[in-house]
Each structure stands twice: as structure tokens, then as C-alpha cells.
C-alpha atoms as a PDB file:
ATOM      1  CA  MET A   1     111.351  95.590  89.675  1.00  0.00           C
ATOM      2  CA  ARG A   2     108.566  94.649  92.081  1.00  0.00           C
ATOM      3  CA  THR A   3     104.968  95.612  91.337  1.00  0.00           C
ATOM      4  CA  PHE A   4     102.326  96.006  94.012  1.00  0.00           C
ATOM      5  CA  TYR A   5      98.944  95.340  92.447  1.00  0.00           C
ATOM      6  CA  ASN A   6      95.775  96.519  94.161  1.00  0.00           C
ATOM      7  CA  ALA A   7      93.387  93.635  93.551  1.00  0.00           C
ATOM      8  CA  SER A   8      90.505  95.638  95.026  1.00  0.00           C
ATOM      9  CA  HIS A   9      90.783  98.386  92.390  1.00  0.00           C
ATOM     10  CA  ASN A  10      87.931  96.899  90.359  1.00  0.00           C
ATOM     11  CA  LEU A  11      85.500  97.543  93.230  1.00  0.00           C
ATOM     12  CA  HIS A  12      85.516 101.154  92.034  1.00  0.00           C
ATOM     13  CA  GLN A  13      83.868 101.521  88.652  1.00  0.00           C
ATOM     14  CA  GLY A  14      81.782 104.589  87.982  1.00  0.00           C
ATOM     15  CA  ARG A  15      78.836 104.333  85.636  1.00  0.00           C
ATOM     16  CA  PHE A  16      78.801 107.878  84.238  1.00  0.00           C
ATOM     17  CA  GLU A  17      80.645 111.183  84.528  1.00  0.00           C
ATOM     18  CA  MET A  18      79.716 114.700  83.475  1.00  0.00           C
ATOM     19  CA  HIS A  19      81.879 115.603  80.478  1.00  0.00           C
ATOM     20  CA  ARG A  20      81.373 118.937  78.729  1.00  0.00           C
ATOM     21  CA  GLY A  21      77.656 119.110  79.397  1.00  0.00           C
ATOM     22  CA  ALA A  22      76.759 115.451  78.893  1.00  0.00           C
ATOM     23  CA  LEU A  23      76.632 112.347  81.056  1.00  0.00           C
ATOM     24  CA  VAL A  24      78.969 109.899  79.339  1.00  0.00           C
ATOM     25  CA  PRO A  25      80.409 106.503  80.316  1.00  0.00           C
ATOM     26  CA  CYS A  26      83.432 106.945  82.547  1.00  0.00           C
ATOM     27  CA  PHE A  27      86.823 107.165  80.854  1.00  0.00           C
ATOM     28  CA  GLU A  28      88.513 105.857  84.021  1.00  0.00           C
ATOM     29  CA  VAL A  29      87.693 102.139  83.828  1.00  0.00           C
ATOM     30  CA  ALA A  30      88.902  98.999  85.576  1.00  0.00           C
ATOM     31  CA  SER A  31      90.335  97.514  82.394  1.00  0.00           C
ATOM     32  CA  ARG A  32      93.071 100.183  82.415  1.00  0.00           C
ATOM     33  CA  ALA A  33      94.833  98.384  85.247  1.00  0.00           C
ATOM     34  CA  ASP A  34      94.022  94.944  83.790  1.00  0.00           C
ATOM     35  CA  PHE A  35      95.839  95.767  80.539  1.00  0.00           C
ATOM     36  CA  VAL A  36      98.915  96.964  82.443  1.00  0.00           C
ATOM     37  CA  LEU A  37      98.873  93.842  84.607  1.00  0.00           C
ATOM     38  CA  ALA A  38      98.662  91.600  81.543  1.00  0.00           C
ATOM     39  CA  GLU A  39     101.607  93.366  79.899  1.00  0.00           C
ATOM     40  CA  LEU A  40     103.706  93.112  83.076  1.00  0.00           C
ATOM     41  CA  ARG A  41     103.085  89.368  83.193  1.00  0.00           C
ATOM     42  CA  LYS A  42     103.844  89.012  79.495  1.00  0.00           C
ATOM     43  CA  ARG A  43     107.263  90.662  79.843  1.00  0.00           C
ATOM     44  CA  ASN A  44     108.072  89.147  83.236  1.00  0.00           C
ATOM     45  CA  LEU A  45     109.758  92.277  84.595  1.00  0.00           C
ATOM     46  CA  GLY A  46     109.578  91.177  88.221  1.00  0.00           C
ATOM     47  CA  PRO A  47     107.294  89.826  90.951  1.00  0.00           C
ATOM     48  CA  ILE A  48     103.714  91.050  91.276  1.00  0.00           C
ATOM     49  CA  GLU A  49     102.410  91.205  94.833  1.00  0.00           C
ATOM     50  CA  ASN A  50      99.497  92.510  96.875  1.00  0.00           C
ATOM     51  CA  ALA A  51      99.559  94.435 100.141  1.00  0.00           C
ATOM     52  CA  PRO A  52      97.163  95.178 103.026  1.00  0.00           C
ATOM     53  CA  PRO A  53      95.097  98.382 102.943  1.00  0.00           C
ATOM     54  CA  ALA A  54      96.625 101.530 104.392  1.00  0.00           C
ATOM     55  CA  THR A  55      95.754 102.410 107.959  1.00  0.00           C
ATOM     56  CA  ILE A  56      93.717 105.513 108.669  1.00  0.00           C
ATOM     57  CA  GLU A  57      96.703 106.866 110.582  1.00  0.00           C
ATOM     58  CA  ALA A  58      98.902 106.612 107.478  1.00  0.00           C
ATOM     59  CA  LEU A  59      96.286 108.393 105.352  1.00  0.00           C
ATOM     60  CA  GLN A  60      95.968 111.150 107.939  1.00  0.00           C
ATOM     61  CA  ARG A  61      99.619 112.023 107.342  1.00  0.00           C
ATOM     62  CA  VAL A  62      98.376 113.506 104.045  1.00  0.00           C
ATOM     63  CA  HIS A  63      94.583 113.902 104.209  1.00  0.00           C
ATOM     64  CA  ALA A  64      92.264 115.715 106.621  1.00  0.00           C
ATOM     65  CA  PRO A  65      90.471 113.468 109.161  1.00  0.00           C
ATOM     66  CA  ARG A  66      87.021 114.870 108.343  1.00  0.00           C
ATOM     67  CA  TYR A  67      87.611 114.231 104.641  1.00  0.00           C
ATOM     68  CA  LEU A  68      88.606 110.619 105.299  1.00  0.00           C
ATOM     69  CA  ASP A  69      85.582 110.198 107.585  1.00  0.00           C
ATOM     70  CA  PHE A  70      83.363 111.366 104.751  1.00  0.00           C
ATOM     71  CA  LEU A  71      84.915 109.023 102.190  1.00  0.00           C
ATOM     72  CA  GLN A  72      84.671 106.062 104.539  1.00  0.00           C
ATOM     73  CA  GLY A  73      80.955 106.496 105.207  1.00  0.00           C
ATOM     74  CA  ALA A  74      79.762 108.239 102.048  1.00  0.00           C
ATOM     75  CA  TRP A  75      78.308 105.236 100.239  1.00  0.00           C
ATOM     76  CA  ASP A  76      76.239 104.079 103.217  1.00  0.00           C
ATOM     77  CA  GLU A  77      74.918 107.622 103.645  1.00  0.00           C
ATOM     78  CA  TRP A  78      74.080 107.830  99.956  1.00  0.00           C
ATOM     79  CA  VAL A  79      72.068 104.600 100.013  1.00  0.00           C
ATOM     80  CA  ALA A  80      70.372 105.541 103.292  1.00  0.00           C
ATOM     81  CA  LEU A  81      68.924 108.619 101.575  1.00  0.00           C
ATOM     82  CA  ASP A  82      67.101 106.389  99.078  1.00  0.00           C
ATOM     83  CA  PRO A  83      67.521 102.615  98.592  1.00  0.00           C
ATOM     84  CA  ALA A  84      67.353 103.198  94.832  1.00  0.00           C
ATOM     85  CA  ASN A  85      70.672 105.040  95.127  1.00  0.00           C
ATOM     86  CA  ALA A  86      72.359 101.643  95.357  1.00  0.00           C
ATOM     87  CA  GLN A  87      71.920 101.487  91.580  1.00  0.00           C
ATOM     88  CA  ARG A  88      73.416 104.900  90.830  1.00  0.00           C
ATOM     89  CA  ASP A  89      76.645 106.639  91.767  1.00  0.00           C
ATOM     90  CA  ALA A  90      76.979 109.737  93.926  1.00  0.00           C
ATOM     91  CA  ILE A  91      78.065 112.803  91.924  1.00  0.00           C
ATOM     92  CA  GLY A  92      78.270 116.313  93.339  1.00  0.00           C
ATOM     93  CA  SER A  93      75.790 119.018  92.389  1.00  0.00           C
ATOM     94  CA  TYR A  94      76.784 121.973  94.600  1.00  0.00           C
ATOM     95  CA  TRP A  95      80.198 123.466  95.371  1.00  0.00           C
ATOM     96  CA  PRO A  96      81.309 126.201  97.807  1.00  0.00           C
ATOM     97  CA  ILE A  97      82.894 128.822  95.581  1.00  0.00           C
ATOM     98  CA  ARG A  98      84.731 131.992  96.756  1.00  0.00           C
ATOM     99  CA  THR A  99      83.264 133.749  99.840  1.00  0.00           C
ATOM    100  CA  PHE A 100      81.356 130.582 100.858  1.00  0.00           C
ATOM    101  CA  ARG A 101      82.308 128.987 104.165  1.00  0.00           C
ATOM    102  CA  SER A 102      84.140 125.668 104.315  1.00  0.00           C
ATOM    103  CA  ASP A 103      84.915 125.530 108.031  1.00  0.00           C
ATOM    104  CA  VAL A 104      81.391 124.376 108.979  1.00  0.00           C
ATOM    105  CA  LEU A 105      80.628 120.754 108.100  1.00  0.00           C
ATOM    106  CA  PRO A 106      77.061 120.649 106.717  1.00  0.00           C
ATOM    107  CA  ALA A 107      74.635 117.983 107.901  1.00  0.00           C
ATOM    108  CA  ASN A 108      73.265 117.625 104.373  1.00  0.00           C
ATOM    109  CA  PHE A 109      74.983 114.823 102.437  1.00  0.00           C
ATOM    110  CA  HIS A 110      74.894 116.635  99.099  1.00  0.00           C
ATOM    111  CA  ALA A 111      76.454 119.726 100.660  1.00  0.00           C
ATOM    112  CA  ARG A 112      79.291 117.641 102.111  1.00  0.00           C
ATOM    113  CA  LEU A 113      79.752 115.832  98.796  1.00  0.00           C
ATOM    114  CA  GLY A 114      80.255 119.230  97.181  1.00  0.00           C
ATOM    115  CA  LEU A 115      82.463 120.498  99.989  1.00  0.00           C
ATOM    116  CA  PHE A 116      84.908 117.621  99.493  1.00  0.00           C
ATOM    117  CA  SER A 117      84.927 117.541  95.672  1.00  0.00           C
ATOM    118  CA  TYR A 118      85.528 119.966  92.827  1.00  0.00           C
ATOM    119  CA  ASP A 119      84.018 118.396  89.716  1.00  0.00           C
ATOM    120  CA  ALA A 120      81.179 116.204  88.478  1.00  0.00           C
ATOM    121  CA  ALA A 121      83.526 113.822  86.677  1.00  0.00           C
ATOM    122  CA  SER A 122      84.442 111.706  89.713  1.00  0.00           C
ATOM    123  CA  PRO A 123      81.556 109.415  90.677  1.00  0.00           C
ATOM    124  CA  LEU A 124      81.706 107.928  94.148  1.00  0.00           C
ATOM    125  CA  THR A 125      80.695 104.250  94.113  1.00  0.00           C
ATOM    126  CA  ALA A 126      80.074 101.397  96.529  1.00  0.00           C
ATOM    127  CA  GLY A 127      83.712 100.313  96.294  1.00  0.00           C
ATOM    128  CA  THR A 128      85.493 103.662  96.051  1.00  0.00           C
ATOM    129  CA  TRP A 129      86.767 103.764  99.631  1.00  0.00           C
ATOM    130  CA  GLU A 130      88.013 100.178  99.634  1.00  0.00           C
ATOM    131  CA  ALA A 131      89.722 100.558  96.262  1.00  0.00           C
ATOM    132  CA  ALA A 132      91.394 103.852  97.173  1.00  0.00           C
ATOM    133  CA  ARG A 133      92.534 102.624 100.580  1.00  0.00           C
ATOM    134  CA  GLY A 134      93.884  99.440  99.002  1.00  0.00           C
ATOM    135  CA  GLY A 135      95.888 101.499  96.532  1.00  0.00           C
ATOM    136  CA  ALA A 136      97.424 103.516  99.339  1.00  0.00           C
ATOM    137  CA  GLY A 137      98.379 100.255 101.049  1.00  0.00           C
ATOM    138  CA  CYS A 138     100.201  99.124  97.917  1.00  0.00           C
ATOM    139  CA  THR A 139     101.901 102.521  97.825  1.00  0.00           C
ATOM    140  CA  LEU A 140     103.227 102.053 101.351  1.00  0.00           C
ATOM    141  CA  ALA A 141     104.466  98.574 100.431  1.00  0.00           C
ATOM    142  CA  GLY A 142     106.336 100.102  97.505  1.00  0.00           C
ATOM    143  CA  VAL A 143     107.899 102.664  99.825  1.00  0.00           C
ATOM    144  CA  SER A 144     109.091  99.831 102.065  1.00  0.00           C
ATOM    145  CA  CYS A 145     110.863  98.309  99.053  1.00  0.00           C
ATOM    146  CA  LEU A 146     112.855 101.481  98.514  1.00  0.00           C
ATOM    147  CA  GLN A 147     113.633 101.738 102.214  1.00  0.00           C
ATOM    148  CA  GLN A 148     115.005  98.195 102.080  1.00  0.00           C
ATOM    149  CA  GLY A 149     117.414  99.203  99.345  1.00  0.00           C
ATOM    150  CA  GLU A 150     115.603  98.209  96.155  1.00  0.00           C
ATOM    151  CA  ARG A 151     116.100 100.493  93.181  1.00  0.00           C
ATOM    152  CA  ALA A 152     112.486 100.803  92.055  1.00  0.00           C
ATOM    153  CA  ALA A 153     108.931  99.621  92.551  1.00  0.00           C
ATOM    154  CA  PHE A 154     105.615 100.163  90.778  1.00  0.00           C
ATOM    155  CA  VAL A 155     102.201 100.706  92.366  1.00  0.00           C
ATOM    156  CA  LEU A 156      99.544  99.441  89.969  1.00  0.00           C
ATOM    157  CA  THR A 157      96.262 100.745  91.293  1.00  0.00           C
ATOM    158  CA  ARG A 158      93.222 102.770  90.503  1.00  0.00           C
ATOM    159  CA  PRO A 159      91.458 105.077  91.076  1.00  0.00           C
ATOM    160  CA  PRO A 160      94.441 107.323  90.380  1.00  0.00           C
ATOM    161  CA  GLY A 161      95.566 109.883  92.939  1.00  0.00           C
ATOM    162  CA  HIS A 162      97.342 113.050  91.855  1.00  0.00           C
ATOM    163  CA  HIS A 163      94.257 115.292  91.648  1.00  0.00           C
ATOM    164  CA  ALA A 164      93.203 114.505  95.234  1.00  0.00           C
ATOM    165  CA  GLY A 165      94.158 117.175  97.751  1.00  0.00           C
ATOM    166  CA  HIS A 166      94.377 117.394 101.518  1.00  0.00           C
ATOM    167  CA  ASP A 167      90.587 117.516 101.833  1.00  0.00           C
ATOM    168  CA  PHE A 168      89.079 117.101  98.370  1.00  0.00           C
ATOM    169  CA  PHE A 169      88.653 114.658  95.498  1.00  0.00           C
ATOM    170  CA  GLY A 170      88.280 115.227  91.768  1.00  0.00           C
ATOM    171  CA  GLY A 171      89.745 114.219  88.435  1.00  0.00           C
ATOM    172  CA  TYR A 172      88.905 110.558  89.210  1.00  0.00           C
ATOM    173  CA  CYS A 173      91.187 110.740  92.307  1.00  0.00           C
ATOM    174  CA  PHE A 174      90.310 110.194  95.987  1.00  0.00           C
ATOM    175  CA  ILE A 175      93.525 109.337  97.875  1.00  0.00           C
ATOM    176  CA  ASN A 176      96.755 110.913  96.667  1.00  0.00           C
ATOM    177  CA  ASN A 177      99.127 107.956  96.360  1.00  0.00           C
ATOM    178  CA  ALA A 178     102.141 110.032  95.291  1.00  0.00           C
ATOM    179  CA  ALA A 179     101.702 112.264  98.331  1.00  0.00           C
ATOM    180  CA  VAL A 180     101.255 109.252 100.620  1.00  0.00           C
ATOM    181  CA  ALA A 181     104.515 107.869  99.214  1.00  0.00           C
ATOM    182  CA  ALA A 182     106.469 111.096  99.607  1.00  0.00           C
ATOM    183  CA  GLN A 183     105.281 111.555 103.182  1.00  0.00           C
ATOM    184  CA  ALA A 184     106.092 107.941 104.079  1.00  0.00           C
ATOM    185  CA  LEU A 185     109.580 108.333 102.631  1.00  0.00           C
ATOM    186  CA  ARG A 186     110.104 111.458 104.730  1.00  0.00           C
ATOM    187  CA  ASP A 187     108.737 109.743 107.825  1.00  0.00           C
ATOM    188  CA  GLY A 188     111.110 106.864 107.144  1.00  0.00           C
ATOM    189  CA  GLY A 189     114.193 109.066 107.171  1.00  0.00           C
ATOM    190  CA  ALA A 190     114.570 110.509 103.663  1.00  0.00           C
ATOM    191  CA  ARG A 191     115.837 114.067 104.054  1.00  0.00           C
ATOM    192  CA  ARG A 192     114.379 115.311 100.809  1.00  0.00           C
ATOM    193  CA  VAL A 193     111.942 113.722  98.353  1.00  0.00           C
ATOM    194  CA  ALA A 194     111.072 114.736  94.791  1.00  0.00           C
ATOM    195  CA  ILE A 195     107.813 114.045  92.970  1.00  0.00           C
ATOM    196  CA  LEU A 196     107.859 114.035  89.167  1.00  0.00           C
ATOM    197  CA  ASP A 197     104.396 114.156  87.597  1.00  0.00           C
ATOM    198  CA  VAL A 198     104.377 113.131  83.924  1.00  0.00           C
ATOM    199  CA  ASP A 199     100.611 112.814  83.504  1.00  0.00           C
ATOM    200  CA  TYR A 200      99.036 114.974  80.790  1.00  0.00           C
ATOM    201  CA  HIS A 201      96.959 116.728  83.443  1.00  0.00           C
ATOM    202  CA  HIS A 202      98.603 118.802  86.165  1.00  0.00           C
ATOM    203  CA  GLY A 203      98.771 117.126  89.581  1.00  0.00           C
ATOM    204  CA  ASN A 204      96.944 119.930  91.345  1.00  0.00           C
ATOM    205  CA  GLY A 205      96.286 117.892  94.478  1.00  0.00           C
ATOM    206  CA  THR A 206      99.923 116.965  94.928  1.00  0.00           C
ATOM    207  CA  GLN A 207     101.059 120.530  94.367  1.00  0.00           C
ATOM    208  CA  ALA A 208      98.563 121.868  96.910  1.00  0.00           C
ATOM    209  CA  ILE A 209      99.626 119.373  99.596  1.00  0.00           C
ATOM    210  CA  PHE A 210     103.324 120.292  99.433  1.00  0.00           C
ATOM    211  CA  TYR A 211     103.197 123.888  98.168  1.00  0.00           C
ATOM    212  CA  ALA A 212     104.481 125.459 101.396  1.00  0.00           C
ATOM    213  CA  ARG A 213     107.067 122.776 102.200  1.00  0.00           C
ATOM    214  CA  ALA A 214     110.812 122.790 101.571  1.00  0.00           C
ATOM    215  CA  ASP A 215     111.364 119.044 102.045  1.00  0.00           C
ATOM    216  CA  VAL A 216     109.340 117.823  99.029  1.00  0.00           C
ATOM    217  CA  PHE A 217     110.040 119.115  95.515  1.00  0.00           C
ATOM    218  CA  PHE A 218     107.214 118.868  92.991  1.00  0.00           C
ATOM    219  CA  ALA A 219     107.838 119.016  89.241  1.00  0.00           C
ATOM    220  CA  SER A 220     105.065 118.571  86.689  1.00  0.00           C
ATOM    221  CA  ILE A 221     105.018 118.398  82.876  1.00  0.00           C
ATOM    222  CA  HIS A 222     101.467 118.834  81.612  1.00  0.00           C
ATOM    223  CA  GLY A 223      99.040 120.423  79.208  1.00  0.00           C
ATOM    224  CA  ASP A 224      98.748 124.186  79.526  1.00  0.00           C
ATOM    225  CA  PRO A 225      95.991 124.937  82.087  1.00  0.00           C
ATOM    226  CA  LEU A 226      94.844 127.866  79.966  1.00  0.00           C
ATOM    227  CA  THR A 227      93.063 125.221  77.891  1.00  0.00           C
ATOM    228  CA  GLU A 228      93.517 121.889  79.739  1.00  0.00           C
ATOM    229  CA  TYR A 229      92.063 120.340  82.914  1.00  0.00           C
ATOM    230  CA  PRO A 230      92.329 121.113  85.841  1.00  0.00           C
ATOM    231  CA  TYR A 231      92.514 124.728  84.543  1.00  0.00           C
ATOM    232  CA  TRP A 232      93.025 126.602  87.835  1.00  0.00           C
ATOM    233  CA  LEU A 233      96.482 125.310  88.776  1.00  0.00           C
ATOM    234  CA  GLY A 234      99.588 124.355  86.861  1.00  0.00           C
ATOM    235  CA  TYR A 235     100.910 127.700  85.643  1.00  0.00           C
ATOM    236  CA  ALA A 236     104.642 128.313  85.353  1.00  0.00           C
ATOM    237  CA  ASP A 237     104.633 131.142  87.903  1.00  0.00           C
ATOM    238  CA  GLU A 238     103.519 128.801  90.704  1.00  0.00           C
ATOM    239  CA  ARG A 239     106.845 128.229  92.469  1.00  0.00           C
ATOM    240  CA  GLY A 240     105.776 127.456  96.041  1.00  0.00           C
ATOM    241  CA  THR A 241     105.118 129.701  99.006  1.00  0.00           C
ATOM    242  CA  GLY A 242     106.778 130.413 102.345  1.00  0.00           C
ATOM    243  CA  ALA A 243     109.334 127.728 103.137  1.00  0.00           C
ATOM    244  CA  GLY A 244     108.341 126.028  99.890  1.00  0.00           C
ATOM    245  CA  GLU A 245     109.322 128.926  97.641  1.00  0.00           C
ATOM    246  CA  GLY A 246     111.315 127.483  94.736  1.00  0.00           C
ATOM    247  CA  CYS A 247     110.265 123.887  95.475  1.00  0.00           C
ATOM    248  CA  ASN A 248     107.505 123.768  92.849  1.00  0.00           C
ATOM    249  CA  LEU A 249     108.226 123.594  89.109  1.00  0.00           C
ATOM    250  CA  ASN A 250     105.431 123.598  86.545  1.00  0.00           C
ATOM    251  CA  LEU A 251     106.279 123.033  82.897  1.00  0.00           C
ATOM    252  CA  PRO A 252     103.040 123.557  80.947  1.00  0.00           C
ATOM    253  CA  LEU A 253     103.173 122.662  77.257  1.00  0.00           C
ATOM    254  CA  PRO A 254     100.759 123.429  74.422  1.00  0.00           C
ATOM    255  CA  ARG A 255      98.346 120.879  73.020  1.00  0.00           C
ATOM    256  CA  GLY A 256     100.018 119.055  70.144  1.00  0.00           C
ATOM    257  CA  THR A 257     103.481 118.855  71.753  1.00  0.00           C
ATOM    258  CA  ASP A 258     105.521 115.931  70.376  1.00  0.00           C
ATOM    259  CA  PHE A 259     108.122 113.855  72.193  1.00  0.00           C
ATOM    260  CA  ALA A 260     111.042 116.112  71.311  1.00  0.00           C
ATOM    261  CA  GLY A 261     109.363 119.063  73.011  1.00  0.00           C
ATOM    262  CA  TRP A 262     108.145 116.941  75.887  1.00  0.00           C
ATOM    263  CA  ARG A 263     111.583 115.370  76.427  1.00  0.00           C
ATOM    264  CA  ALA A 264     113.203 118.797  76.656  1.00  0.00           C
ATOM    265  CA  ALA A 265     110.814 119.614  79.500  1.00  0.00           C
ATOM    266  CA  LEU A 266     111.661 116.297  81.185  1.00  0.00           C
ATOM    267  CA  LYS A 267     115.343 117.187  81.021  1.00  0.00           C
ATOM    268  CA  GLN A 268     114.601 120.514  82.700  1.00  0.00           C
ATOM    269  CA  ALA A 269     112.552 118.810  85.429  1.00  0.00           C
ATOM    270  CA  LEU A 270     115.242 116.220  86.135  1.00  0.00           C
ATOM    271  CA  GLN A 271     117.921 118.909  86.313  1.00  0.00           C
ATOM    272  CA  ALA A 272     115.838 120.774  88.886  1.00  0.00           C
ATOM    273  CA  ILE A 273     115.345 117.568  90.893  1.00  0.00           C
ATOM    274  CA  ALA A 274     119.091 116.960  90.855  1.00  0.00           C
ATOM    275  CA  GLY A 275     119.686 120.511  92.055  1.00  0.00           C
ATOM    276  CA  PHE A 276     117.217 119.968  94.888  1.00  0.00           C
ATOM    277  CA  GLY A 277     119.305 117.064  96.171  1.00  0.00           C
ATOM    278  CA  ALA A 278     116.495 114.543  96.564  1.00  0.00           C
ATOM    279  CA  ASP A 279     117.159 111.245  98.323  1.00  0.00           C
ATOM    280  CA  ALA A 280     114.271 109.476  96.555  1.00  0.00           C
ATOM    281  CA  LEU A 281     111.922 110.036  93.627  1.00  0.00           C
ATOM    282  CA  VAL A 282     108.191 109.409  93.282  1.00  0.00           C
ATOM    283  CA  VAL A 283     106.873 109.398  89.706  1.00  0.00           C
ATOM    284  CA  SER A 284     103.187 110.047  89.082  1.00  0.00           C
ATOM    285  CA  LEU A 285     103.071 107.946  85.937  1.00  0.00           C
ATOM    286  CA  GLY A 286     100.272 108.969  83.645  1.00  0.00           C
ATOM    287  CA  VAL A 287     100.480 107.726  80.070  1.00  0.00           C
ATOM    288  CA  ASP A 288      97.652 109.917  78.797  1.00  0.00           C
ATOM    289  CA  THR A 289     100.418 111.822  76.979  1.00  0.00           C
ATOM    290  CA  PHE A 290      99.960 109.163  74.267  1.00  0.00           C
ATOM    291  CA  GLU A 291      98.893 110.466  70.858  1.00  0.00           C
ATOM    292  CA  GLY A 292      95.715 108.362  70.872  1.00  0.00           C
ATOM    293  CA  ASP A 293      94.403 109.337  74.284  1.00  0.00           C
ATOM    294  CA  PRO A 294      90.752 110.437  74.076  1.00  0.00           C
ATOM    295  CA  ILE A 295      90.915 113.200  76.724  1.00  0.00           C
ATOM    296  CA  ALA A 296      94.415 114.600  76.209  1.00  0.00           C
ATOM    297  CA  GLY A 297      96.431 116.324  73.513  1.00  0.00           C
ATOM    298  CA  PHE A 298     100.142 115.418  73.366  1.00  0.00           C
ATOM    299  CA  HIS A 299     101.637 113.305  70.576  1.00  0.00           C
ATOM    300  CA  LEU A 300     103.891 110.764  72.300  1.00  0.00           C
ATOM    301  CA  ARG A 301     104.165 107.344  70.670  1.00  0.00           C
ATOM    302  CA  SER A 302     104.619 103.973  72.322  1.00  0.00           C
ATOM    303  CA  ASP A 303     108.385 103.783  71.715  1.00  0.00           C
ATOM    304  CA  ASP A 304     108.805 107.195  73.324  1.00  0.00           C
ATOM    305  CA  TYR A 305     107.946 105.697  76.704  1.00  0.00           C
ATOM    306  CA  LEU A 306     111.097 103.563  76.510  1.00  0.00           C
ATOM    307  CA  ARG A 307     113.141 106.757  76.248  1.00  0.00           C
ATOM    308  CA  MET A 308     111.169 108.284  79.090  1.00  0.00           C
ATOM    309  CA  GLY A 309     112.094 105.364  81.331  1.00  0.00           C
ATOM    310  CA  GLU A 310     115.761 105.637  80.350  1.00  0.00           C
ATOM    311  CA  ASP A 311     115.830 109.348  81.163  1.00  0.00           C
ATOM    312  CA  ILE A 312     114.211 108.856  84.565  1.00  0.00           C
ATOM    313  CA  ALA A 313     116.627 106.027  85.392  1.00  0.00           C
ATOM    314  CA  ALA A 314     119.573 108.283  84.558  1.00  0.00           C
ATOM    315  CA  ALA A 315     118.619 110.454  87.547  1.00  0.00           C
ATOM    316  CA  GLY A 316     120.144 107.680  89.673  1.00  0.00           C
ATOM    317  CA  LEU A 317     117.504 107.843  92.413  1.00  0.00           C
ATOM    318  CA  SER A 318     115.535 105.079  94.086  1.00  0.00           C
ATOM    319  CA  THR A 319     112.185 105.476  92.369  1.00  0.00           C
ATOM    320  CA  LEU A 320     108.584 104.615  93.132  1.00  0.00           C
ATOM    321  CA  PHE A 321     106.127 104.778  90.221  1.00  0.00           C
ATOM    322  CA  THR A 322     102.438 105.287  90.978  1.00  0.00           C
ATOM    323  CA  PHE A 323      99.891 104.668  88.225  1.00  0.00           C
ATOM    324  CA  GLU A 324      97.852 107.710  87.232  1.00  0.00           C
ATOM    325  CA  GLY A 325      96.070 108.453  83.939  1.00  0.00           C
ATOM    326  CA  GLY A 326      96.007 106.822  80.523  1.00  0.00           C
ATOM    327  CA  TYR A 327      92.674 106.346  78.787  1.00  0.00           C
ATOM    328  CA  ALA A 328      93.596 104.862  75.418  1.00  0.00           C
ATOM    329  CA  VAL A 329      92.864 101.518  77.021  1.00  0.00           C
ATOM    330  CA  ASP A 330      94.146  99.198  74.291  1.00  0.00           C
ATOM    331  CA  GLU A 331      97.614 100.786  74.418  1.00  0.00           C
ATOM    332  CA  VAL A 332      97.849 101.672  78.116  1.00  0.00           C
ATOM    333  CA  GLY A 333      99.615  98.428  79.047  1.00  0.00           C
ATOM    334  CA  THR A 334     102.250  98.727  76.328  1.00  0.00           C
ATOM    335  CA  ASN A 335     102.928 102.368  77.105  1.00  0.00           C
ATOM    336  CA  ALA A 336     103.194 102.011  80.872  1.00  0.00           C
ATOM    337  CA  VAL A 337     105.371  98.907  80.774  1.00  0.00           C
ATOM    338  CA  ASN A 338     107.617 100.463  78.145  1.00  0.00           C
ATOM    339  CA  VAL A 339     108.558 103.045  80.793  1.00  0.00           C
ATOM    340  CA  PHE A 340     109.704 100.256  83.109  1.00  0.00           C
ATOM    341  CA  GLN A 341     111.451  98.416  80.280  1.00  0.00           C
ATOM    342  CA  GLY A 342     113.416 101.558  79.527  1.00  0.00           C
ATOM    343  CA  PHE A 343     114.080 102.224  83.214  1.00  0.00           C
ATOM    344  CA  ILE A 344     115.646  98.822  83.918  1.00  0.00           C
ATOM    345  CA  SER A 345     117.491  98.434  80.588  1.00  0.00           C
END
């Protein structure tokens, strides 16, 4: 299985995030990808390659032009406000809640930062744009692999993507790699594409992008949003709208769920994907379902990820994995690569 590694990912490294009322060091750190890369090399599961950054045109197939314009120029604007800002990250302070207007683009930088984000846990840094765009480029290279007939590919990049929507970032995510992949597969001739999100946290951005579409099926297994981030999406009654009615499947599970309970939900998701008749599968691979993850609450163990990979392989679809969450850094490499070991076994 080929891996596309975004070597520019380490240009994005936030200093602090707001977590439950306190500024704390970021959980989403560059070493997450480094540990996965080291484990891939150790097991020699296939070639590891780089790819050029995604074009703006490719990103506009998923994201709003004014949002991409903001991301591209945000750091320079931030530093222009005060040269001292070069030593601190940009984090939102104001957000347009219900009844506020979002159609007018404010001139004020802080207002636009809030307009295009939804939390204070996603610091924007000097290298955010380059890292995110590089990850999308690796995603498109992985799509090309599938289009050339390869069974599977892995996109090893950060920041992750599944919380990023059409015109917003949050949850450490800026460009939605899974959505970029699904759209590129459709543009390349796939009649129907399925996205399976196995991250502990619901892929709210991915759901929102495809919620009214009948050509992309989204299935997510995640912590119950009654108690777990991102809180305001991910409920079981969200089934899609309009043409997309029935093309969205959320399987929220309670904190403390073990692998037996989680695997039953995976079986249900894969059955729904089979019924949809997908031509290709994109997996938002978060391994923050691990029992030791500091910001999650499931009880999967390292060996369970082997079984996860086997189950996904049994779907018989060409599959692109995109790297999402996983914050128990010492184990993140073992857990992620166990999925691939199980998949190719």
C-alpha cells in the first residue's frame, strides 16, 4: 500500500489551545505524524512518497473561495496588525451566532477569523496554510492511485481535516481531506463514493459538505454528541436532506464503549455502505478511539485496530485512508499502522 506523506505538515504547530477554560499546550502536535511515519518504515508496508500541493481550483471543489482567500492570507494579516503577533498564534475571540449576518465579509481581521471558525481550540499559525494545502495535495495523489487501479493508499498528513466545512475551520482542521478525496473521485468518474469516519469525534465538516447530496454516502461512528465534541452535530436522526435524504448515517456511542460494541457499529456502517453501492471508499482514520487517548473516551486496544483493518478490507472497495485524530502520541503509530496491517493481511 502506498503512503503519501506531507513533509510540510510540521510547518503547522500551534502553541496553545483553549481547552475547558484554560490555555493548554496543543494536543494536535507534529510528532503524531512522525510516530506513524516511523512505524510505517519499521514494518515496510509499501512505498512512502510526497506530492505537490493541491491547486486552489481543486480546493474550490469543496471549499468556498472567500474562505480559502482568508486562509491563504491570514498569517500575513495577523502579523501586519502587530509585529509581535509573529510570536503568537491567531485564535478566534468572536463568533457570529444565530441571527447574526454571515453574508457580509467584515474588514476587521478578528471578525473574519471568527466568521470562518467555530472554536478557540484551532490556532492558526505561520505554516497552517502551507501544511493544509500540502495535505490536500497528498490526498489528490492518493486518489490518483485508486483511479489507476491500486487497492488502497494512505494520506499521512496533519493538520487533520474532517471538522473543516465548506467555509469554516475548527477541531484542529482547516482543509477537509476526506471531502477533497470524495469529490476528486466523483470528478474522476466514480458514480458513488462512501466516506467512513472512524474518529472518536464526529466529522461534522464532512457531513455538512455532503448532507444534501445523493452521490456521496457519509457514515460516522463516534462519541455521543450529547456529551462529546463537536456537540451540535452527529445525532442519529441526522439522515441527510433533499436529494441526500438517507445518505447520512450517524452511529453515536456512549463514552466507555469497548471494541465489541464499536465493532457492531462498524458492521452496521459497512452494511449501509454496501447497500449504497459505492464504487470507492474514503476512510477518515482517527485512532483517538484508543483507550489511552487524553481527549476521548472509547476503550479500543492496539490489537483491535488489526480487526478494524480486516473488517474494512472485507468491504471489497478501493480505499483511501486519510489521517485524522489520535492524541495518545506514543501509541498513535502502532494503532494507525495496525489498521493497515489488518487491511492488507
